[in-house]
N, C-alpha and C. Protein backbone atom coordinates (compact mmCIF):
# COMPACT_ATOMS: atom_id res chain seq x y z
N MET A 1 1.26 -0.85 0.58
CA MET A 1 -0.33 -0.09 0.07
C MET A 1 0.71 1.03 -0.17
N LEU A 2 1.83 1.31 0.87
CA LEU A 2 2.29 2.58 0.75
C LEU A 2 3.47 2.52 0.08
N GLU A 3 4.07 1.69 -0.67
CA GLU A 3 4.40 1.78 -2.47
C GLU A 3 3.64 2.30 -3.23
N ALA A 4 2.43 1.93 -3.20
CA ALA A 4 1.88 1.52 -4.26
C ALA A 4 1.11 3.18 -4.81
N THR A 5 1.38 4.02 -2.79
CA THR A 5 0.86 5.37 -2.95
C THR A 5 1.80 6.55 -3.42
N PHE A 6 3.63 5.92 -3.28
CA PHE A 6 4.79 6.39 -3.44
C PHE A 6 4.85 7.26 -2.06
N GLN A 7 4.69 6.73 -0.76
CA GLN A 7 4.96 7.23 0.20
C GLN A 7 6.77 6.71 0.34
N VAL A 8 6.83 5.29 0.29
CA VAL A 8 7.66 4.80 0.51
C VAL A 8 8.52 4.30 -0.81
N ILE A 9 9.79 3.74 -0.57
CA ILE A 9 10.11 3.29 -2.45
C ILE A 9 11.14 2.15 -1.52
N VAL A 10 10.45 1.18 -2.80
CA VAL A 10 11.70 0.03 -1.65
C VAL A 10 12.66 -0.42 -3.64
N LEU A 11 13.85 -0.51 -2.65
CA LEU A 11 14.25 -0.90 -3.73
C LEU A 11 14.84 -2.39 -3.28
N ARG A 12 14.97 -3.30 -4.71
CA ARG A 12 15.18 -4.73 -4.23
C ARG A 12 17.07 -5.16 -4.45
N PRO A 13 17.10 -6.30 -4.30
CA PRO A 13 18.90 -6.45 -4.44
C PRO A 13 19.11 -6.77 -5.85
N TYR A 14 20.12 -6.20 -6.41
CA TYR A 14 20.45 -6.79 -7.55
C TYR A 14 21.67 -8.25 -7.69
N VAL A 15 20.83 -9.33 -8.31
CA VAL A 15 21.54 -10.43 -7.87
C VAL A 15 21.98 -10.88 -9.43
N ALA A 16 23.58 -10.49 -9.84
CA ALA A 16 23.79 -10.98 -10.87
C ALA A 16 24.49 -12.36 -11.26
N ASN A 17 24.99 -13.02 -9.66
CA ASN A 17 25.82 -13.78 -9.58
C ASN A 17 25.02 -15.01 -9.03
N THR A 18 23.77 -15.53 -9.30
CA THR A 18 22.89 -16.42 -8.04
C THR A 18 23.77 -17.61 -7.46
N GLY A 19 25.12 -18.13 -7.89
CA GLY A 19 25.64 -18.72 -6.74
C GLY A 19 26.29 -17.98 -5.45
N LYS A 20 26.19 -16.16 -6.44
CA LYS A 20 27.20 -15.77 -4.55
C LYS A 20 26.49 -15.89 -3.95
N ARG A 21 26.39 -15.86 -2.24
CA ARG A 21 26.15 -15.16 -1.35
C ARG A 21 25.92 -13.83 -1.13
N LEU A 22 23.80 -13.24 -1.51
CA LEU A 22 24.07 -12.06 -1.57
C LEU A 22 22.68 -11.81 -0.42
N VAL A 23 22.70 -10.62 0.08
CA VAL A 23 21.91 -10.44 1.05
C VAL A 23 20.84 -9.89 -0.06
N LYS A 24 19.49 -10.25 0.35
CA LYS A 24 18.72 -10.47 -0.52
C LYS A 24 16.81 -9.89 -0.06
N THR A 25 17.47 -8.94 0.88
CA THR A 25 16.12 -8.08 1.78
C THR A 25 16.11 -7.34 1.24
N PRO A 26 15.04 -6.54 0.95
CA PRO A 26 14.92 -5.25 0.47
C PRO A 26 15.12 -4.16 1.12
N LYS A 27 15.57 -2.93 0.74
CA LYS A 27 15.68 -1.60 1.45
C LYS A 27 14.12 -0.77 1.30
N VAL A 28 13.94 -0.25 2.16
CA VAL A 28 12.81 0.33 2.40
C VAL A 28 13.08 2.29 2.66
N TYR A 29 12.79 3.40 1.73
CA TYR A 29 13.27 4.76 2.04
C TYR A 29 12.02 5.36 1.81
N PHE A 30 11.68 6.50 2.82
CA PHE A 30 10.84 7.51 2.62
C PHE A 30 10.48 8.19 1.76
N SER A 31 9.73 8.50 0.50
CA SER A 31 9.52 9.09 -0.32
C SER A 31 9.91 10.86 -0.36
N ASP A 32 9.71 10.92 1.21
CA ASP A 32 9.75 12.73 1.87
C ASP A 32 10.93 12.76 2.78
N THR A 33 11.71 13.06 2.46
CA THR A 33 12.91 13.65 3.30
C THR A 33 12.19 14.44 4.92
N GLY A 34 11.84 15.37 4.16
CA GLY A 34 11.02 16.52 5.65
C GLY A 34 10.24 15.34 6.31
N MET A 35 9.35 14.86 5.76
CA MET A 35 8.81 13.47 7.07
C MET A 35 9.42 12.55 7.42
N LEU A 36 10.05 12.28 6.58
CA LEU A 36 11.24 11.37 7.47
C LEU A 36 12.08 11.58 9.09
N CYS A 37 12.54 13.29 8.83
CA CYS A 37 13.44 13.90 9.43
C CYS A 37 11.97 14.42 10.75
N HIS A 38 10.88 14.42 10.21
CA HIS A 38 9.86 14.74 11.49
C HIS A 38 9.69 13.76 12.13
N LEU A 39 9.30 12.63 11.61
CA LEU A 39 9.14 11.25 12.47
C LEU A 39 10.45 10.75 12.89
N THR A 40 11.47 10.89 12.88
CA THR A 40 12.93 10.94 13.58
C THR A 40 12.61 12.02 14.75
N GLY A 41 11.88 13.32 14.81
CA GLY A 41 12.28 14.37 15.61
C GLY A 41 13.51 14.77 15.09
N LEU A 42 13.84 15.29 14.10
CA LEU A 42 14.84 15.93 13.54
C LEU A 42 14.34 17.12 12.76
N ARG A 43 14.74 18.64 13.69
CA ARG A 43 13.67 20.03 13.45
C ARG A 43 14.77 21.16 12.53
N ASP A 44 16.41 20.05 12.12
CA ASP A 44 16.97 21.50 11.09
C ASP A 44 18.30 20.95 10.80
N ALA A 45 18.86 20.79 9.68
CA ALA A 45 19.43 20.36 8.44
C ALA A 45 20.59 19.96 9.43
N ASP A 46 21.35 20.88 10.61
CA ASP A 46 22.46 20.74 10.93
C ASP A 46 22.44 19.44 12.50
N HIS A 47 21.25 19.17 12.63
CA HIS A 47 20.63 18.11 13.63
C HIS A 47 21.12 16.74 12.66
N ALA A 48 20.14 17.24 11.39
CA ALA A 48 20.05 15.71 10.78
C ALA A 48 20.96 15.17 10.27
N ALA A 49 21.97 16.45 9.84
CA ALA A 49 23.38 15.91 9.80
C ALA A 49 24.35 15.60 10.59
N ALA A 50 24.18 15.85 11.19
CA ALA A 50 25.55 15.35 12.67
C ALA A 50 24.93 14.36 13.15
N GLY A 51 23.49 13.51 13.37
CA GLY A 51 23.26 12.57 14.04
C GLY A 51 23.10 11.62 13.50
N PRO A 52 22.72 10.37 14.39
CA PRO A 52 23.11 8.98 13.30
C PRO A 52 22.36 8.59 12.34
N LEU A 53 21.26 9.62 11.99
CA LEU A 53 20.65 9.00 10.92
C LEU A 53 21.54 9.79 9.57
N GLY A 54 22.10 10.69 10.25
CA GLY A 54 22.70 11.54 8.67
C GLY A 54 22.80 11.04 7.47
N GLY A 55 23.70 9.98 7.96
CA GLY A 55 23.80 8.68 6.46
C GLY A 55 22.98 8.03 5.58
N ALA A 56 21.96 8.02 6.39
CA ALA A 56 20.53 7.20 5.73
C ALA A 56 19.76 8.44 5.01
N ILE A 57 19.50 9.81 5.75
CA ILE A 57 18.52 10.93 5.26
C ILE A 57 19.24 10.91 3.63
N PHE A 58 20.96 11.12 4.01
CA PHE A 58 21.53 12.11 2.59
C PHE A 58 21.46 10.93 2.07
N GLU A 59 21.32 9.45 1.80
CA GLU A 59 21.06 8.44 1.23
C GLU A 59 20.04 8.13 0.21
N THR A 60 18.94 8.83 1.08
CA THR A 60 17.62 8.66 0.33
C THR A 60 17.30 10.18 -0.31
N ALA A 61 18.16 11.26 -0.01
CA ALA A 61 17.85 12.22 -0.86
C ALA A 61 18.86 11.96 -1.96
N VAL A 62 19.62 11.32 -2.59
CA VAL A 62 20.07 11.19 -3.62
C VAL A 62 19.31 10.17 -4.03
N LEU A 63 18.54 9.22 -3.41
CA LEU A 63 17.58 8.22 -4.31
C LEU A 63 17.04 8.95 -4.83
N LEU A 64 16.19 10.25 -4.23
CA LEU A 64 15.18 10.45 -4.26
C LEU A 64 15.19 11.21 -5.85
N GLU A 65 16.60 12.09 -6.05
CA GLU A 65 16.95 13.00 -7.36
C GLU A 65 17.03 11.68 -8.24
N VAL A 66 17.77 10.38 -8.49
CA VAL A 66 17.30 9.60 -9.14
C VAL A 66 16.12 9.43 -9.66
N VAL A 67 15.32 9.15 -8.70
CA VAL A 67 13.86 8.48 -9.42
C VAL A 67 13.51 9.59 -10.29
N LYS A 68 13.53 10.98 -9.14
CA LYS A 68 12.27 12.31 -9.98
C LYS A 68 13.21 12.10 -11.48
N ALA A 69 14.81 12.10 -11.68
CA ALA A 69 15.40 12.46 -12.71
C ALA A 69 14.60 11.42 -14.52
N PHE A 70 14.51 10.28 -13.85
CA PHE A 70 13.34 9.17 -14.48
C PHE A 70 12.66 9.36 -15.03
N VAL A 71 11.22 9.81 -13.57
CA VAL A 71 10.24 10.05 -14.01
C VAL A 71 9.78 11.54 -15.04
N ASN A 72 10.51 12.86 -14.35
CA ASN A 72 10.48 14.02 -15.40
C ASN A 72 10.99 13.34 -16.65
N ARG A 73 11.50 12.40 -17.44
CA ARG A 73 11.66 11.72 -18.30
C ARG A 73 10.70 11.04 -19.05
N GLY A 74 9.88 10.71 -17.95
CA GLY A 74 8.70 9.57 -18.01
C GLY A 74 9.06 8.61 -18.54
N GLU A 75 10.45 8.03 -17.79
CA GLU A 75 10.54 6.88 -17.53
C GLU A 75 10.30 6.15 -16.07
N GLU A 76 10.34 4.85 -16.33
CA GLU A 76 10.37 4.12 -14.91
C GLU A 76 12.26 3.73 -14.55
N PRO A 77 11.94 4.16 -13.33
CA PRO A 77 13.08 3.66 -12.93
C PRO A 77 13.67 2.43 -12.40
N GLN A 78 14.73 1.99 -12.61
CA GLN A 78 15.17 0.12 -12.63
C GLN A 78 16.24 0.85 -11.84
N ILE A 79 16.15 0.68 -10.25
CA ILE A 79 17.27 0.49 -9.52
C ILE A 79 17.38 -0.09 -8.48
N TYR A 80 18.24 -0.68 -8.29
CA TYR A 80 18.67 -1.76 -6.79
C TYR A 80 19.65 -1.29 -6.32
N PHE A 81 19.76 -2.22 -5.26
CA PHE A 81 20.94 -2.26 -4.47
C PHE A 81 21.99 -3.50 -4.52
N TRP A 82 23.13 -3.41 -3.64
CA TRP A 82 23.62 -4.93 -4.31
C TRP A 82 24.78 -5.11 -2.62
N ARG A 83 24.43 -5.69 -1.68
CA ARG A 83 24.93 -6.04 -0.66
C ARG A 83 25.46 -7.53 -0.70
N THR A 84 27.13 -7.75 -0.07
CA THR A 84 26.90 -9.26 -0.43
C THR A 84 27.04 -9.70 1.63
N SER A 85 26.98 -10.83 1.04
CA SER A 85 27.15 -11.28 3.11
C SER A 85 28.48 -10.88 3.42
N ALA A 86 29.20 -10.52 3.04
CA ALA A 86 30.55 -10.27 3.38
C ALA A 86 30.91 -9.00 3.63
N GLY A 87 29.68 -7.69 3.31
CA GLY A 87 29.84 -6.94 3.95
C GLY A 87 29.67 -6.00 2.88
N ASP A 88 30.23 -5.65 1.55
CA ASP A 88 30.65 -5.09 0.71
C ASP A 88 28.87 -4.49 0.45
N GLU A 89 28.73 -3.27 -0.10
CA GLU A 89 27.30 -2.59 -0.38
C GLU A 89 27.97 -1.34 -0.87
N ILE A 90 26.84 -1.74 -2.11
CA ILE A 90 26.71 -0.50 -3.17
C ILE A 90 24.83 0.17 -2.93
N ASP A 91 25.43 1.44 -2.54
CA ASP A 91 23.47 2.26 -2.50
C ASP A 91 22.78 1.81 -3.29
N LEU A 92 23.08 2.45 -4.49
CA LEU A 92 22.20 2.52 -5.58
C LEU A 92 22.92 1.56 -6.80
N ILE A 93 22.58 0.74 -7.60
CA ILE A 93 22.66 0.11 -8.71
C ILE A 93 21.27 0.59 -9.99
N VAL A 94 21.69 1.27 -10.54
CA VAL A 94 20.44 2.16 -11.91
C VAL A 94 20.77 1.32 -13.01
N GLU A 95 19.99 0.78 -13.41
CA GLU A 95 20.06 0.24 -14.80
C GLU A 95 19.33 0.75 -15.53
N ALA A 96 20.33 1.53 -16.56
CA ALA A 96 20.07 2.14 -17.51
C ALA A 96 20.39 1.80 -18.79
N GLN A 97 19.30 1.69 -20.16
CA GLN A 97 20.24 1.46 -22.03
C GLN A 97 20.71 -0.01 -21.97
N GLY A 98 20.47 -0.85 -20.87
CA GLY A 98 21.39 -2.17 -20.90
C GLY A 98 22.79 -2.19 -20.17
N LYS A 99 22.77 -0.81 -19.42
CA LYS A 99 24.02 -0.48 -18.26
C LYS A 99 23.48 -0.66 -17.39
N LEU A 100 24.37 -0.98 -15.88
CA LEU A 100 24.66 -0.67 -14.35
C LEU A 100 25.18 -0.26 -14.29
N ILE A 101 25.05 1.22 -13.65
CA ILE A 101 25.78 2.11 -13.03
C ILE A 101 25.67 2.64 -11.67
N PRO A 102 26.66 1.81 -10.97
CA PRO A 102 26.64 1.94 -9.51
C PRO A 102 27.17 3.10 -8.72
N ILE A 103 26.26 3.16 -8.15
CA ILE A 103 26.58 4.65 -7.16
C ILE A 103 26.29 4.40 -5.67
N GLU A 104 27.38 5.07 -4.83
CA GLU A 104 27.68 5.14 -3.85
C GLU A 104 27.56 6.23 -3.01
N VAL A 105 26.94 6.76 -2.08
CA VAL A 105 26.88 8.08 -1.55
C VAL A 105 27.14 7.67 0.18
N LYS A 106 27.81 8.63 0.45
CA LYS A 106 28.48 9.45 1.66
C LYS A 106 28.48 10.61 2.14
N LEU A 107 28.06 10.88 3.38
CA LEU A 107 28.04 11.89 4.33
C LEU A 107 29.58 12.62 4.42
N SER A 108 30.32 12.74 3.42
CA SER A 108 31.25 13.13 3.75
C SER A 108 31.69 14.39 2.65
N SER A 109 32.02 15.29 3.28
CA SER A 109 32.64 16.50 2.09
C SER A 109 34.09 15.97 1.48
N THR A 110 34.76 15.09 1.89
CA THR A 110 35.82 15.09 1.49
C THR A 110 36.14 13.02 0.82
N PRO A 111 35.87 13.37 -0.65
CA PRO A 111 35.89 11.96 -0.73
C PRO A 111 37.53 11.66 -1.21
N ARG A 112 37.35 10.28 -0.73
CA ARG A 112 39.20 9.43 -1.23
C ARG A 112 39.34 8.05 -1.15
N PRO A 113 39.82 7.93 -2.27
CA PRO A 113 39.95 6.59 -3.01
C PRO A 113 39.85 6.01 -2.86
N ALA A 114 39.77 5.34 -1.17
CA ALA A 114 39.30 4.00 -1.03
C ALA A 114 37.87 3.87 -0.82
N MET A 115 37.17 5.30 -0.53
CA MET A 115 35.67 4.85 -1.05
C MET A 115 35.46 4.36 -1.89
N ALA A 116 36.28 4.45 -3.28
CA ALA A 116 35.62 3.49 -4.44
C ALA A 116 36.25 2.21 -4.11
N ASN A 117 36.27 1.74 -3.19
CA ASN A 117 36.67 -0.04 -3.39
C ASN A 117 35.70 -0.55 -4.16
N THR A 118 34.76 -0.43 -3.24
CA THR A 118 33.04 -1.22 -3.63
C THR A 118 33.03 -1.17 -4.37
N ILE A 119 33.04 -0.14 -5.45
CA ILE A 119 32.40 -0.10 -6.54
C ILE A 119 33.37 -0.32 -7.47
N GLN A 120 34.64 -0.85 -7.80
CA GLN A 120 35.15 -1.27 -8.24
C GLN A 120 35.40 -3.01 -8.02
N ARG A 121 35.16 -3.34 -7.08
CA ARG A 121 34.95 -5.14 -7.07
C ARG A 121 33.80 -5.14 -7.41
N PHE A 122 32.66 -4.28 -7.14
CA PHE A 122 31.00 -4.69 -8.41
C PHE A 122 31.01 -4.35 -9.76
N ARG A 123 32.13 -3.58 -9.82
CA ARG A 123 32.78 -3.91 -11.34
C ARG A 123 33.20 -5.05 -11.57
N GLN A 124 34.30 -5.43 -11.25
CA GLN A 124 35.40 -6.56 -11.80
C GLN A 124 33.88 -7.76 -11.75
N GLU A 125 33.09 -7.76 -10.36
CA GLU A 125 32.07 -8.63 -10.40
C GLU A 125 30.84 -8.99 -11.48
N ALA A 126 30.37 -7.65 -11.77
CA ALA A 126 29.47 -7.62 -12.99
C ALA A 126 29.90 -7.82 -14.26
N GLY A 127 30.96 -7.33 -14.54
CA GLY A 127 31.74 -7.66 -15.59
C GLY A 127 31.65 -5.96 -17.04
N SER A 128 31.17 -6.50 -17.91
CA SER A 128 30.91 -5.74 -19.25
C SER A 128 29.45 -4.42 -19.05
N ARG A 129 28.66 -5.84 -18.53
CA ARG A 129 27.50 -3.95 -17.95
C ARG A 129 27.47 -2.99 -17.18
N VAL A 130 28.87 -3.10 -16.72
CA VAL A 130 29.05 -2.04 -15.43
C VAL A 130 29.61 -0.80 -16.16
N SER A 131 28.92 0.44 -16.53
CA SER A 131 29.83 1.47 -16.58
C SER A 131 30.48 2.18 -15.54
N ALA A 132 30.74 3.78 -16.11
CA ALA A 132 31.48 4.06 -14.85
C ALA A 132 30.47 4.32 -13.45
N GLY A 133 31.14 4.91 -12.56
CA GLY A 133 30.38 4.59 -11.21
C GLY A 133 31.09 5.90 -10.49
N PHE A 134 29.68 6.68 -9.62
CA PHE A 134 29.97 7.63 -8.97
C PHE A 134 29.60 7.21 -7.08
N LEU A 135 30.83 7.98 -6.15
CA LEU A 135 30.54 8.28 -5.49
C LEU A 135 29.76 9.54 -4.96
N VAL A 136 28.44 9.61 -4.58
CA VAL A 136 28.24 11.17 -4.29
C VAL A 136 28.17 11.12 -2.96
N HIS A 137 28.37 12.71 -2.59
CA HIS A 137 29.10 12.54 -1.64
C HIS A 137 28.70 14.20 -1.14
N SER A 138 28.60 14.80 -0.14
CA SER A 138 28.38 16.32 0.24
C SER A 138 28.93 17.58 0.58
N GLY A 139 30.17 17.21 -0.36
CA GLY A 139 31.02 18.33 -0.70
C GLY A 139 31.35 19.23 -1.91
N ASP A 140 31.76 20.22 -2.47
CA ASP A 140 31.74 20.72 -3.62
C ASP A 140 32.58 20.21 -4.59
N ILE A 141 33.31 19.12 -4.60
CA ILE A 141 34.35 18.87 -5.98
C ILE A 141 34.10 17.54 -6.91
N THR A 142 34.77 17.89 -7.76
CA THR A 142 34.40 16.45 -8.51
C THR A 142 35.93 16.43 -8.73
N LEU A 143 36.14 14.75 -8.54
CA LEU A 143 37.23 14.73 -8.84
C LEU A 143 37.21 12.95 -9.63
N PRO A 144 38.25 12.52 -9.68
CA PRO A 144 38.70 10.81 -9.98
C PRO A 144 38.81 10.14 -8.92
N LEU A 145 38.53 9.05 -8.68
CA LEU A 145 38.45 9.05 -7.47
C LEU A 145 39.61 7.11 -7.83
N ALA A 146 39.12 7.02 -8.98
CA ALA A 146 39.82 5.44 -9.32
C ALA A 146 39.50 5.33 -10.63
N PRO A 147 40.09 4.51 -11.21
CA PRO A 147 39.77 4.59 -12.74
C PRO A 147 38.24 3.81 -13.02
N GLY A 148 37.43 4.96 -13.55
CA GLY A 148 35.97 4.54 -13.80
C GLY A 148 35.29 5.00 -12.80
N VAL A 149 35.63 5.22 -11.77
CA VAL A 149 34.58 6.38 -10.04
C VAL A 149 35.13 7.39 -10.11
N LEU A 150 33.65 8.44 -10.18
CA LEU A 150 33.85 9.94 -10.32
C LEU A 150 33.36 10.36 -8.45
N ALA A 151 33.95 10.82 -8.31
CA ALA A 151 33.50 11.69 -6.76
C ALA A 151 32.23 12.85 -7.42
N LEU A 152 30.96 12.57 -6.77
CA LEU A 152 30.09 14.13 -7.62
C LEU A 152 29.54 14.51 -6.52
N PRO A 153 29.38 15.75 -6.31
CA PRO A 153 28.99 16.39 -5.24
C PRO A 153 27.20 16.27 -5.39
N PHE A 154 26.87 16.30 -4.27
CA PHE A 154 24.94 15.91 -4.28
C PHE A 154 24.38 17.22 -4.87
N GLY A 155 24.76 18.32 -5.18
CA GLY A 155 24.70 19.50 -6.52
C GLY A 155 25.05 19.28 -7.30
N GLU A 156 25.57 18.05 -7.79
CA GLU A 156 25.51 18.27 -9.49
C GLU A 156 25.18 17.12 -10.30
N LEU A 157 24.18 16.27 -9.31
CA LEU A 157 23.16 15.19 -10.18
C LEU A 157 21.97 15.66 -10.67
């Protein structure tokens, strides 16, 4: 019901290799970050960003921007997440035009090359269908972090 009325967005896991042990439980996001903050008692942006839910709220905001980009073009977004039982995770896997675009979200204004490691592992595992990946962060610089991984400020989504 909540998904049908666009109150929540449910991301299902991306499963490329059925033999690999992956986490298959869906992730659920509120489709309104303002409502999310209100329900969790967060009253201002500084409190939200500095609190324990800061990363989750930022991830939700990035997901909503990606979804809006598709919907505004009249397209149905195909968005997943990827998480192994060993703990590797890509927050968003966007499927577009036959390619997979990995997007990692970090509530950090200083992206570092190590933040691209999981995207690189996913690119190796999923193969030629994977295009360049992005690490979306809260800072204001765009820079390459690793081959095929670009750090992108939230404001440039």
